[in-house]
Amino acid sequence: MKLKLKKSDLKRFGIDLLFIVAGCSVSAVCIMGILIPNGLTSGGVTGIVRVIQEVFDVGFSIVYYAFALVILIFCAILLGLREARKIVMMSVIYPAVLFIFEHTEFSLLEEKDLFLAAIYCGVLFGISQGLIFTRGFSFGGTDTVAKIIQKKLLPHISISKILLVIDACIIIGSGFMFGRNIALYALITQVIFSKTVDIVMFGFESKLVQLEIITSKHDEVVEYILNDIKRGVTNLKVSGAYTKTAREKIVTICSPRDSMMIKKFVSKADKDAFVTVIQVGTVWGKGEGFADILEE
């Protein structure tokens, strides 16, 4: 039995590593083959590094490595080792992949085309992030910074809103360095990026999903959702028509990325768990990503 668990863990790690390398490679191709050759920028850590690169004329990957390690350290100190584990692989592998592609000196577009470059950057960034999010990992960029700010400074403001402000500030700041037109192109990239991530992860489904989970590890799963994912949980009494066995069903509403992380945790805790994912159109109520019922 122990051998089987080891093999399954090794297989899972191999698949995770494959998705991570693929996601990192797509993003690196986007940055080194489209973004930098066309003089564009974007939100997130990439946008900050582009500004620093322009001012000090240093290598993109080296500066990104420094930022990734700083964010990882702050994440471990302020959010805990559990949260840091989600970004540690990306903090090491992604800058390394960037370093490799940085020294290939290539351009995907035959000629400089800012509009086409902005579109393709949004699509490729979205594909890369979607591949990473699908396996429950994170690039450890401004999304982690947003989590730190929410936990330590602004607990009543959603992470998505904090992240929106951070990326907006980065893009506006890029406008002073690269010009207003480049900042507007970065905005186009950001919009396309966010839509592409959703499509990669859940096709053309909504941004919110409802998870219904029946598992023998009920308490462990509930604790994970409440403490790690920071989502609410509803328990429902259910019984099987055939077995007549009474059990508790876990119901939670979350983002697509959160659902992938929950699915990954449940698969490790209980391989016989039953999980249903339901598309959600609109949710009214308090919570991150939910619409205020008074404003609808």
C-alpha atoms as a PDB file:
ATOM      1  CA  MET A   1       0.000   0.000   0.000  1.00  0.00           C
ATOM      2  CA  LYS A   2       2.838   2.364   0.894  1.00  0.00           C
ATOM      3  CA  LEU A   3       4.502   1.615  -2.440  1.00  0.00           C
ATOM      4  CA  LYS A   4       1.330   2.567  -4.289  1.00  0.00           C
ATOM      5  CA  LEU A   5       1.107   5.858  -2.403  1.00  0.00           C
ATOM      6  CA  LYS A   6       4.715   6.642  -3.254  1.00  0.00           C
ATOM      7  CA  LYS A   7       4.139   5.855  -6.914  1.00  0.00           C
ATOM      8  CA  SER A   8       1.004   8.003  -7.037  1.00  0.00           C
ATOM      9  CA  ASP A   9       2.820  10.873  -5.335  1.00  0.00           C
ATOM     10  CA  LEU A  10       5.680  10.567  -7.789  1.00  0.00           C
ATOM     11  CA  LYS A  11       3.264  10.524 -10.718  1.00  0.00           C
ATOM     12  CA  ARG A  12       1.455  13.589  -9.387  1.00  0.00           C
ATOM     13  CA  PHE A  13       4.753  15.401  -8.910  1.00  0.00           C
ATOM     14  CA  GLY A  14       5.789  14.510 -12.465  1.00  0.00           C
ATOM     15  CA  ILE A  15       2.536  15.882 -13.899  1.00  0.00           C
ATOM     16  CA  ASP A  16       2.849  19.021 -11.758  1.00  0.00           C
ATOM     17  CA  LEU A  17       6.406  19.541 -12.976  1.00  0.00           C
ATOM     18  CA  LEU A  18       5.340  19.045 -16.596  1.00  0.00           C
ATOM     19  CA  PHE A  19       2.600  21.679 -16.302  1.00  0.00           C
ATOM     20  CA  ILE A  20       4.936  24.070 -14.482  1.00  0.00           C
ATOM     21  CA  VAL A  21       7.697  23.792 -17.093  1.00  0.00           C
ATOM     22  CA  ALA A  22       5.157  24.142 -19.921  1.00  0.00           C
ATOM     23  CA  GLY A  23       3.548  27.190 -18.293  1.00  0.00           C
ATOM     24  CA  CYS A  24       6.913  28.791 -17.560  1.00  0.00           C
ATOM     25  CA  SER A  25       8.135  28.156 -21.111  1.00  0.00           C
ATOM     26  CA  VAL A  26       5.037  29.713 -22.700  1.00  0.00           C
ATOM     27  CA  SER A  27       5.397  32.782 -20.480  1.00  0.00           C
ATOM     28  CA  ALA A  28       9.133  33.041 -21.173  1.00  0.00           C
ATOM     29  CA  VAL A  29       8.542  32.840 -24.931  1.00  0.00           C
ATOM     30  CA  CYS A  30       5.951  35.593 -24.576  1.00  0.00           C
ATOM     31  CA  ILE A  31       8.264  37.905 -22.630  1.00  0.00           C
ATOM     32  CA  MET A  32      11.498  37.291 -24.511  1.00  0.00           C
ATOM     33  CA  GLY A  33       9.993  36.747 -27.959  1.00  0.00           C
ATOM     34  CA  ILE A  34       7.216  39.349 -28.022  1.00  0.00           C
ATOM     35  CA  LEU A  35       7.009  41.690 -25.032  1.00  0.00           C
ATOM     36  CA  ILE A  36      10.604  42.961 -24.810  1.00  0.00           C
ATOM     37  CA  PRO A  37      11.415  43.013 -28.570  1.00  0.00           C
ATOM     38  CA  ASN A  38       8.332  45.195 -29.141  1.00  0.00           C
ATOM     39  CA  GLY A  39       9.054  47.501 -26.211  1.00  0.00           C
ATOM     40  CA  LEU A  40       5.854  46.571 -24.364  1.00  0.00           C
ATOM     41  CA  THR A  41       5.154  46.063 -20.674  1.00  0.00           C
ATOM     42  CA  SER A  42       2.386  44.582 -18.524  1.00  0.00           C
ATOM     43  CA  GLY A  43       1.018  44.461 -15.004  1.00  0.00           C
ATOM     44  CA  GLY A  44       2.389  42.325 -12.186  1.00  0.00           C
ATOM     45  CA  VAL A  45       6.026  41.684 -11.378  1.00  0.00           C
ATOM     46  CA  THR A  46       6.779  41.581 -15.112  1.00  0.00           C
ATOM     47  CA  GLY A  47       5.778  45.252 -15.400  1.00  0.00           C
ATOM     48  CA  ILE A  48       7.936  46.255 -12.408  1.00  0.00           C
ATOM     49  CA  VAL A  49      10.943  44.380 -13.778  1.00  0.00           C
ATOM     50  CA  ARG A  50      10.468  45.994 -17.206  1.00  0.00           C
ATOM     51  CA  VAL A  51      10.703  49.461 -15.616  1.00  0.00           C
ATOM     52  CA  ILE A  52      13.837  48.511 -13.634  1.00  0.00           C
ATOM     53  CA  GLN A  53      15.349  46.932 -16.735  1.00  0.00           C
ATOM     54  CA  GLU A  54      14.744  50.122 -18.706  1.00  0.00           C
ATOM     55  CA  VAL A  55      16.285  52.359 -16.017  1.00  0.00           C
ATOM     56  CA  PHE A  56      19.347  50.311 -15.057  1.00  0.00           C
ATOM     57  CA  ASP A  57      19.902  48.250 -18.235  1.00  0.00           C
ATOM     58  CA  VAL A  58      20.108  44.910 -16.410  1.00  0.00           C
ATOM     59  CA  GLY A  59      19.062  41.405 -17.369  1.00  0.00           C
ATOM     60  CA  PHE A  60      15.320  40.719 -17.053  1.00  0.00           C
ATOM     61  CA  SER A  61      15.685  37.243 -15.554  1.00  0.00           C
ATOM     62  CA  ILE A  62      18.160  38.326 -12.847  1.00  0.00           C
ATOM     63  CA  VAL A  63      15.895  41.102 -11.587  1.00  0.00           C
ATOM     64  CA  TYR A  64      12.877  38.782 -11.746  1.00  0.00           C
ATOM     65  CA  TYR A  65      14.782  36.183  -9.699  1.00  0.00           C
ATOM     66  CA  ALA A  66      15.459  38.791  -7.012  1.00  0.00           C
ATOM     67  CA  PHE A  67      11.796  39.826  -6.843  1.00  0.00           C
ATOM     68  CA  ALA A  68      10.605  36.194  -6.779  1.00  0.00           C
ATOM     69  CA  LEU A  69      12.884  35.314  -3.866  1.00  0.00           C
ATOM     70  CA  VAL A  70      11.919  38.446  -1.903  1.00  0.00           C
ATOM     71  CA  ILE A  71       8.202  37.697  -2.367  1.00  0.00           C
ATOM     72  CA  LEU A  72       8.798  34.052  -1.362  1.00  0.00           C
ATOM     73  CA  ILE A  73      10.568  35.109   1.844  1.00  0.00           C
ATOM     74  CA  PHE A  74       7.861  37.625   2.793  1.00  0.00           C
ATOM     75  CA  CYS A  75       5.187  35.039   1.969  1.00  0.00           C
ATOM     76  CA  ALA A  76       6.801  32.474   4.289  1.00  0.00           C
ATOM     77  CA  ILE A  77       7.141  35.023   7.108  1.00  0.00           C
ATOM     78  CA  LEU A  78       3.766  36.754   6.830  1.00  0.00           C
ATOM     79  CA  LEU A  79       1.473  34.071   5.386  1.00  0.00           C
ATOM     80  CA  GLY A  80       3.161  30.933   6.670  1.00  0.00           C
ATOM     81  CA  LEU A  81       5.004  27.988   5.166  1.00  0.00           C
ATOM     82  CA  ARG A  82       1.795  26.406   3.784  1.00  0.00           C
ATOM     83  CA  GLU A  83       1.207  29.385   1.508  1.00  0.00           C
ATOM     84  CA  ALA A  84       4.913  29.620   0.635  1.00  0.00           C
ATOM     85  CA  ARG A  85       4.914  25.997  -0.558  1.00  0.00           C
ATOM     86  CA  LYS A  86       2.441  26.966  -3.285  1.00  0.00           C
ATOM     87  CA  ILE A  87       4.930  29.354  -4.898  1.00  0.00           C
ATOM     88  CA  VAL A  88       8.345  27.902  -4.022  1.00  0.00           C
ATOM     89  CA  MET A  89       8.653  25.788  -7.188  1.00  0.00           C
ATOM     90  CA  MET A  90       7.622  28.693  -9.391  1.00  0.00           C
ATOM     91  CA  SER A  91       9.976  31.086  -7.579  1.00  0.00           C
ATOM     92  CA  VAL A  92      12.894  28.853  -8.561  1.00  0.00           C
ATOM     93  CA  ILE A  93      11.904  27.321 -11.903  1.00  0.00           C
ATOM     94  CA  TYR A  94      10.304  30.322 -13.652  1.00  0.00           C
ATOM     95  CA  PRO A  95      13.269  32.736 -13.375  1.00  0.00           C
ATOM     96  CA  ALA A  96      15.575  29.896 -14.482  1.00  0.00           C
ATOM     97  CA  VAL A  97      13.461  29.322 -17.602  1.00  0.00           C
ATOM     98  CA  LEU A  98      13.436  33.088 -18.212  1.00  0.00           C
ATOM     99  CA  PHE A  99      17.241  33.100 -17.983  1.00  0.00           C
ATOM    100  CA  ILE A 100      17.519  30.351 -20.609  1.00  0.00           C
ATOM    101  CA  PHE A 101      15.159  32.037 -23.067  1.00  0.00           C
ATOM    102  CA  GLU A 102      16.729  35.462 -22.432  1.00  0.00           C
ATOM    103  CA  HIS A 103      19.976  34.266 -23.989  1.00  0.00           C
ATOM    104  CA  THR A 104      18.359  32.876 -27.149  1.00  0.00           C
ATOM    105  CA  GLU A 105      17.648  36.374 -28.537  1.00  0.00           C
ATOM    106  CA  PHE A 106      14.688  35.682 -30.793  1.00  0.00           C
ATOM    107  CA  SER A 107      11.476  37.415 -31.836  1.00  0.00           C
ATOM    108  CA  LEU A 108       8.225  35.656 -32.753  1.00  0.00           C
ATOM    109  CA  LEU A 109       6.835  38.504 -34.861  1.00  0.00           C
ATOM    110  CA  GLU A 110       8.403  39.171 -38.239  1.00  0.00           C
ATOM    111  CA  GLU A 111       8.181  42.920 -37.711  1.00  0.00           C
ATOM    112  CA  LYS A 112       7.327  45.291 -34.888  1.00  0.00           C
ATOM    113  CA  ASP A 113       3.538  45.428 -34.417  1.00  0.00           C
ATOM    114  CA  LEU A 114       2.433  46.798 -31.036  1.00  0.00           C
ATOM    115  CA  PHE A 115      -1.249  45.938 -31.354  1.00  0.00           C
ATOM    116  CA  LEU A 116      -0.627  42.357 -32.493  1.00  0.00           C
ATOM    117  CA  ALA A 117       2.076  41.970 -29.844  1.00  0.00           C
ATOM    118  CA  ALA A 118      -0.279  43.186 -27.083  1.00  0.00           C
ATOM    119  CA  ILE A 119      -2.929  40.659 -28.138  1.00  0.00           C
ATOM    120  CA  TYR A 120      -0.531  37.726 -28.336  1.00  0.00           C
ATOM    121  CA  CYS A 121       1.053  38.659 -25.001  1.00  0.00           C
ATOM    122  CA  GLY A 122      -2.376  38.574 -23.364  1.00  0.00           C
ATOM    123  CA  VAL A 123      -3.196  35.192 -24.907  1.00  0.00           C
ATOM    124  CA  LEU A 124       0.160  33.562 -24.110  1.00  0.00           C
ATOM    125  CA  PHE A 125       0.303  34.989 -20.584  1.00  0.00           C
ATOM    126  CA  GLY A 126      -3.211  33.655 -20.032  1.00  0.00           C
ATOM    127  CA  ILE A 127      -2.297  30.199 -21.326  1.00  0.00           C
ATOM    128  CA  SER A 128       0.785  30.028 -19.107  1.00  0.00           C
ATOM    129  CA  GLN A 129      -1.056  31.178 -15.979  1.00  0.00           C
ATOM    130  CA  GLY A 130      -3.969  28.843 -16.747  1.00  0.00           C
ATOM    131  CA  LEU A 131      -1.639  25.845 -16.975  1.00  0.00           C
ATOM    132  CA  ILE A 132      -0.071  26.745 -13.624  1.00  0.00           C
ATOM    133  CA  PHE A 133      -3.395  27.476 -11.879  1.00  0.00           C
ATOM    134  CA  THR A 134      -4.839  24.186 -13.165  1.00  0.00           C
ATOM    135  CA  ARG A 135      -2.380  22.318 -10.940  1.00  0.00           C
ATOM    136  CA  GLY A 136      -3.056  24.575  -7.946  1.00  0.00           C
ATOM    137  CA  PHE A 137       0.192  26.561  -8.135  1.00  0.00           C
ATOM    138  CA  SER A 138       0.862  30.288  -8.403  1.00  0.00           C
ATOM    139  CA  PHE A 139       3.570  32.388 -10.048  1.00  0.00           C
ATOM    140  CA  GLY A 140       4.135  34.061  -6.679  1.00  0.00           C
ATOM    141  CA  GLY A 141       3.857  37.567  -8.090  1.00  0.00           C
ATOM    142  CA  THR A 142       1.495  40.402  -7.284  1.00  0.00           C
ATOM    143  CA  ASP A 143      -1.260  37.927  -6.373  1.00  0.00           C
ATOM    144  CA  THR A 144       0.863  36.869  -3.392  1.00  0.00           C
ATOM    145  CA  VAL A 145       1.582  40.510  -2.566  1.00  0.00           C
ATOM    146  CA  ALA A 146      -2.179  41.153  -2.629  1.00  0.00           C
ATOM    147  CA  LYS A 147      -2.736  38.293  -0.165  1.00  0.00           C
ATOM    148  CA  ILE A 148      -0.122  39.765   2.186  1.00  0.00           C
ATOM    149  CA  ILE A 149      -1.685  43.232   1.992  1.00  0.00           C
ATOM    150  CA  GLN A 150      -5.151  41.845   2.651  1.00  0.00           C
ATOM    151  CA  LYS A 151      -4.081  39.763   5.641  1.00  0.00           C
ATOM    152  CA  LYS A 152      -1.921  42.424   7.291  1.00  0.00           C
ATOM    153  CA  LEU A 153      -3.479  45.722   6.241  1.00  0.00           C
ATOM    154  CA  LEU A 154      -6.840  45.479   4.488  1.00  0.00           C
ATOM    155  CA  PRO A 155      -8.741  42.386   5.711  1.00  0.00           C
ATOM    156  CA  HIS A 156     -12.124  43.766   4.644  1.00  0.00           C
ATOM    157  CA  ILE A 157     -11.122  44.286   0.993  1.00  0.00           C
ATOM    158  CA  SER A 158     -11.086  41.346  -1.420  1.00  0.00           C
ATOM    159  CA  ILE A 159      -7.812  40.089  -2.888  1.00  0.00           C
ATOM    160  CA  SER A 160      -9.113  40.633  -6.426  1.00  0.00           C
ATOM    161  CA  LYS A 161      -9.715  44.340  -5.748  1.00  0.00           C
ATOM    162  CA  ILE A 162      -6.294  44.800  -4.139  1.00  0.00           C
ATOM    163  CA  LEU A 163      -4.681  43.000  -7.078  1.00  0.00           C
ATOM    164  CA  LEU A 164      -6.572  45.227  -9.511  1.00  0.00           C
ATOM    165  CA  VAL A 165      -5.221  48.354  -7.790  1.00  0.00           C
ATOM    166  CA  ILE A 166      -1.650  46.985  -7.726  1.00  0.00           C
ATOM    167  CA  ASP A 167      -1.680  46.102 -11.425  1.00  0.00           C
ATOM    168  CA  ALA A 168      -3.294  49.450 -12.284  1.00  0.00           C
ATOM    169  CA  CYS A 169      -0.543  51.315 -10.402  1.00  0.00           C
ATOM    170  CA  ILE A 170       2.143  49.289 -12.190  1.00  0.00           C
ATOM    171  CA  ILE A 171       0.637  49.960 -15.610  1.00  0.00           C
ATOM    172  CA  ILE A 172       0.192  53.691 -14.863  1.00  0.00           C
ATOM    173  CA  GLY A 173       3.784  53.843 -13.612  1.00  0.00           C
ATOM    174  CA  SER A 174       4.915  52.128 -16.817  1.00  0.00           C
ATOM    175  CA  GLY A 175       3.184  54.905 -18.744  1.00  0.00           C
ATOM    176  CA  PHE A 176       5.612  57.451 -17.294  1.00  0.00           C
ATOM    177  CA  MET A 177       8.558  55.328 -18.359  1.00  0.00           C
ATOM    178  CA  PHE A 178       7.452  53.936 -21.742  1.00  0.00           C
ATOM    179  CA  GLY A 179       4.744  56.422 -22.740  1.00  0.00           C
ATOM    180  CA  ARG A 180       0.955  56.497 -22.529  1.00  0.00           C
ATOM    181  CA  ASN A 181       0.426  54.388 -25.643  1.00  0.00           C
ATOM    182  CA  ILE A 182       2.506  51.534 -24.212  1.00  0.00           C
ATOM    183  CA  ALA A 183       0.511  51.717 -20.970  1.00  0.00           C
ATOM    184  CA  LEU A 184      -2.728  51.438 -22.952  1.00  0.00           C
ATOM    185  CA  TYR A 185      -1.361  48.440 -24.832  1.00  0.00           C
ATOM    186  CA  ALA A 186      -0.480  46.905 -21.443  1.00  0.00           C
ATOM    187  CA  LEU A 187      -4.107  47.408 -20.408  1.00  0.00           C
ATOM    188  CA  ILE A 188      -5.249  45.502 -23.512  1.00  0.00           C
ATOM    189  CA  THR A 189      -2.816  42.709 -22.633  1.00  0.00           C
ATOM    190  CA  GLN A 190      -4.133  42.569 -19.071  1.00  0.00           C
ATOM    191  CA  VAL A 191      -7.787  42.273 -20.140  1.00  0.00           C
ATOM    192  CA  ILE A 192      -7.055  39.532 -22.686  1.00  0.00           C
ATOM    193  CA  PHE A 193      -4.853  37.758 -20.147  1.00  0.00           C
ATOM    194  CA  SER A 194      -7.586  37.554 -17.485  1.00  0.00           C
ATOM    195  CA  LYS A 195     -10.134  36.213 -19.971  1.00  0.00           C
ATOM    196  CA  THR A 196      -7.712  33.653 -21.399  1.00  0.00           C
ATOM    197  CA  VAL A 197      -6.889  32.269 -17.924  1.00  0.00           C
ATOM    198  CA  ASP A 198     -10.597  31.564 -17.351  1.00  0.00           C
ATOM    199  CA  ILE A 199     -10.963  29.895 -20.755  1.00  0.00           C
ATOM    200  CA  VAL A 200      -7.884  27.673 -20.260  1.00  0.00           C
ATOM    201  CA  MET A 201      -9.076  26.517 -16.845  1.00  0.00           C
ATOM    202  CA  PHE A 202     -12.819  26.195 -17.357  1.00  0.00           C
ATOM    203  CA  GLY A 203     -13.554  26.690 -21.039  1.00  0.00           C
ATOM    204  CA  PHE A 204     -16.200  29.371 -21.405  1.00  0.00           C
ATOM    205  CA  GLU A 205     -17.718  28.780 -18.000  1.00  0.00           C
ATOM    206  CA  SER A 206     -18.245  31.429 -15.306  1.00  0.00           C
ATOM    207  CA  LYS A 207     -15.678  32.818 -12.872  1.00  0.00           C
ATOM    208  CA  LEU A 208     -17.374  31.166  -9.906  1.00  0.00           C
ATOM    209  CA  VAL A 209     -18.079  27.498  -9.348  1.00  0.00           C
ATOM    210  CA  GLN A 210     -19.869  25.525  -6.651  1.00  0.00           C
ATOM    211  CA  LEU A 211     -18.133  22.473  -5.248  1.00  0.00           C
ATOM    212  CA  GLU A 212     -20.091  19.668  -3.616  1.00  0.00           C
ATOM    213  CA  ILE A 213     -17.869  17.162  -1.832  1.00  0.00           C
ATOM    214  CA  ILE A 214     -18.681  13.896  -0.089  1.00  0.00           C
ATOM    215  CA  THR A 215     -15.655  12.454   1.653  1.00  0.00           C
ATOM    216  CA  SER A 216     -14.635  10.330   4.617  1.00  0.00           C
ATOM    217  CA  LYS A 217     -12.115  13.061   5.473  1.00  0.00           C
ATOM    218  CA  HIS A 218     -14.839  15.631   6.081  1.00  0.00           C
ATOM    219  CA  ASP A 219     -13.183  17.573   8.919  1.00  0.00           C
ATOM    220  CA  GLU A 220      -9.811  17.773   7.154  1.00  0.00           C
ATOM    221  CA  VAL A 221     -11.354  19.116   3.944  1.00  0.00           C
ATOM    222  CA  VAL A 222     -13.516  21.656   5.782  1.00  0.00           C
ATOM    223  CA  GLU A 223     -10.514  22.891   7.757  1.00  0.00           C
ATOM    224  CA  TYR A 224      -8.503  23.271   4.550  1.00  0.00           C
ATOM    225  CA  ILE A 225     -11.236  25.259   2.789  1.00  0.00           C
ATOM    226  CA  LEU A 226     -11.837  27.518   5.806  1.00  0.00           C
ATOM    227  CA  ASN A 227      -8.221  28.137   6.830  1.00  0.00           C
ATOM    228  CA  ASP A 228      -6.190  27.806   3.619  1.00  0.00           C
ATOM    229  CA  ILE A 229      -8.601  28.766   0.854  1.00  0.00           C
ATOM    230  CA  LYS A 230     -10.483  31.246   3.086  1.00  0.00           C
ATOM    231  CA  ARG A 231     -13.914  30.294   1.746  1.00  0.00           C
ATOM    232  CA  GLY A 232     -17.148  29.581   3.555  1.00  0.00           C
ATOM    233  CA  VAL A 233     -18.510  26.070   3.875  1.00  0.00           C
ATOM    234  CA  THR A 234     -22.034  24.704   4.217  1.00  0.00           C
ATOM    235  CA  ASN A 235     -22.659  21.191   5.556  1.00  0.00           C
ATOM    236  CA  LEU A 236     -25.689  19.272   4.295  1.00  0.00           C
ATOM    237  CA  LYS A 237     -27.021  15.961   5.597  1.00  0.00           C
ATOM    238  CA  VAL A 238     -27.400  13.465   2.752  1.00  0.00           C
ATOM    239  CA  SER A 239     -27.985   9.735   2.447  1.00  0.00           C
ATOM    240  CA  GLY A 240     -27.496   7.293  -0.392  1.00  0.00           C
ATOM    241  CA  ALA A 241     -30.681   5.764  -1.817  1.00  0.00           C
ATOM    242  CA  TYR A 242     -28.979   2.384  -2.229  1.00  0.00           C
ATOM    243  CA  THR A 243     -26.833   2.123   0.923  1.00  0.00           C
ATOM    244  CA  LYS A 244     -29.112   4.248   3.168  1.00  0.00           C
ATOM    245  CA  THR A 245     -25.910   5.542   4.762  1.00  0.00           C
ATOM    246  CA  ALA A 246     -26.149   9.086   6.188  1.00  0.00           C
ATOM    247  CA  ARG A 247     -23.216  11.374   5.434  1.00  0.00           C
ATOM    248  CA  GLU A 248     -22.379  15.087   5.360  1.00  0.00           C
ATOM    249  CA  LYS A 249     -21.884  16.894   2.069  1.00  0.00           C
ATOM    250  CA  ILE A 250     -19.556  19.890   1.885  1.00  0.00           C
ATOM    251  CA  VAL A 251     -20.752  22.787  -0.264  1.00  0.00           C
ATOM    252  CA  THR A 252     -18.594  25.813  -1.079  1.00  0.00           C
ATOM    253  CA  ILE A 253     -18.510  28.515  -3.757  1.00  0.00           C
ATOM    254  CA  CYS A 254     -15.117  29.679  -4.975  1.00  0.00           C
ATOM    255  CA  SER A 255     -13.026  30.777  -7.943  1.00  0.00           C
ATOM    256  CA  PRO A 256     -11.864  28.275 -10.597  1.00  0.00           C
ATOM    257  CA  ARG A 257      -8.288  28.396  -9.287  1.00  0.00           C
ATOM    258  CA  ASP A 258      -9.441  27.779  -5.711  1.00  0.00           C
ATOM    259  CA  SER A 259     -11.521  24.834  -6.907  1.00  0.00           C
ATOM    260  CA  MET A 260      -8.420  23.266  -8.456  1.00  0.00           C
ATOM    261  CA  MET A 261      -6.530  23.624  -5.181  1.00  0.00           C
ATOM    262  CA  ILE A 262      -9.420  22.085  -3.241  1.00  0.00           C
ATOM    263  CA  LYS A 263      -9.668  19.238  -5.755  1.00  0.00           C
ATOM    264  CA  LYS A 264      -5.939  18.580  -5.399  1.00  0.00           C
ATOM    265  CA  PHE A 265      -6.174  18.503  -1.598  1.00  0.00           C
ATOM    266  CA  VAL A 266      -9.223  16.202  -1.633  1.00  0.00           C
ATOM    267  CA  SER A 267      -7.542  13.801  -4.059  1.00  0.00           C
ATOM    268  CA  LYS A 268      -4.606  13.446  -1.647  1.00  0.00           C
ATOM    269  CA  ALA A 269      -6.771  13.135   1.474  1.00  0.00           C
ATOM    270  CA  ASP A 270      -9.362  10.704   0.098  1.00  0.00           C
ATOM    271  CA  LYS A 271      -9.030   9.000  -3.278  1.00  0.00           C
ATOM    272  CA  ASP A 272     -12.607   7.690  -2.961  1.00  0.00           C
ATOM    273  CA  ALA A 273     -14.154  11.144  -2.459  1.00  0.00           C
ATOM    274  CA  PHE A 274     -17.054  12.241  -4.663  1.00  0.00           C
ATOM    275  CA  VAL A 275     -16.718  15.789  -6.016  1.00  0.00           C
ATOM    276  CA  THR A 276     -19.185  17.704  -8.161  1.00  0.00           C
ATOM    277  CA  VAL A 277     -18.345  21.030  -9.819  1.00  0.00           C
ATOM    278  CA  ILE A 278     -21.306  23.198 -10.813  1.00  0.00           C
ATOM    279  CA  GLN A 279     -21.139  26.341 -12.934  1.00  0.00           C
ATOM    280  CA  VAL A 280     -22.443  29.413 -11.081  1.00  0.00           C
ATOM    281  CA  GLY A 281     -23.847  32.379 -12.954  1.00  0.00           C
ATOM    282  CA  THR A 282     -24.156  34.991 -10.194  1.00  0.00           C
ATOM    283  CA  VAL A 283     -23.739  34.973  -6.428  1.00  0.00           C
ATOM    284  CA  TRP A 284     -25.121  37.685  -4.148  1.00  0.00           C
ATOM    285  CA  GLY A 285     -23.601  38.129  -0.715  1.00  0.00           C
ATOM    286  CA  LYS A 286     -20.469  39.014   1.183  1.00  0.00           C
ATOM    287  CA  GLY A 287     -17.223  37.416   0.104  1.00  0.00           C
ATOM    288  CA  GLU A 288     -14.472  37.735  -2.455  1.00  0.00           C
ATOM    289  CA  GLY A 289     -15.803  37.739  -5.993  1.00  0.00           C
ATOM    290  CA  PHE A 290     -19.464  37.907  -4.895  1.00  0.00           C
ATOM    291  CA  ALA A 291     -21.826  40.687  -5.964  1.00  0.00           C
ATOM    292  CA  ASP A 292     -23.338  42.943  -3.302  1.00  0.00           C
ATOM    293  CA  ILE A 293     -27.041  42.126  -3.135  1.00  0.00           C
ATOM    294  CA  LEU A 294     -27.845  45.799  -2.481  1.00  0.00           C
ATOM    295  CA  GLU A 295     -26.135  46.850  -5.721  1.00  0.00           C
ATOM    296  CA  GLU A 296     -27.874  44.292  -7.942  1.00  0.00           C
END
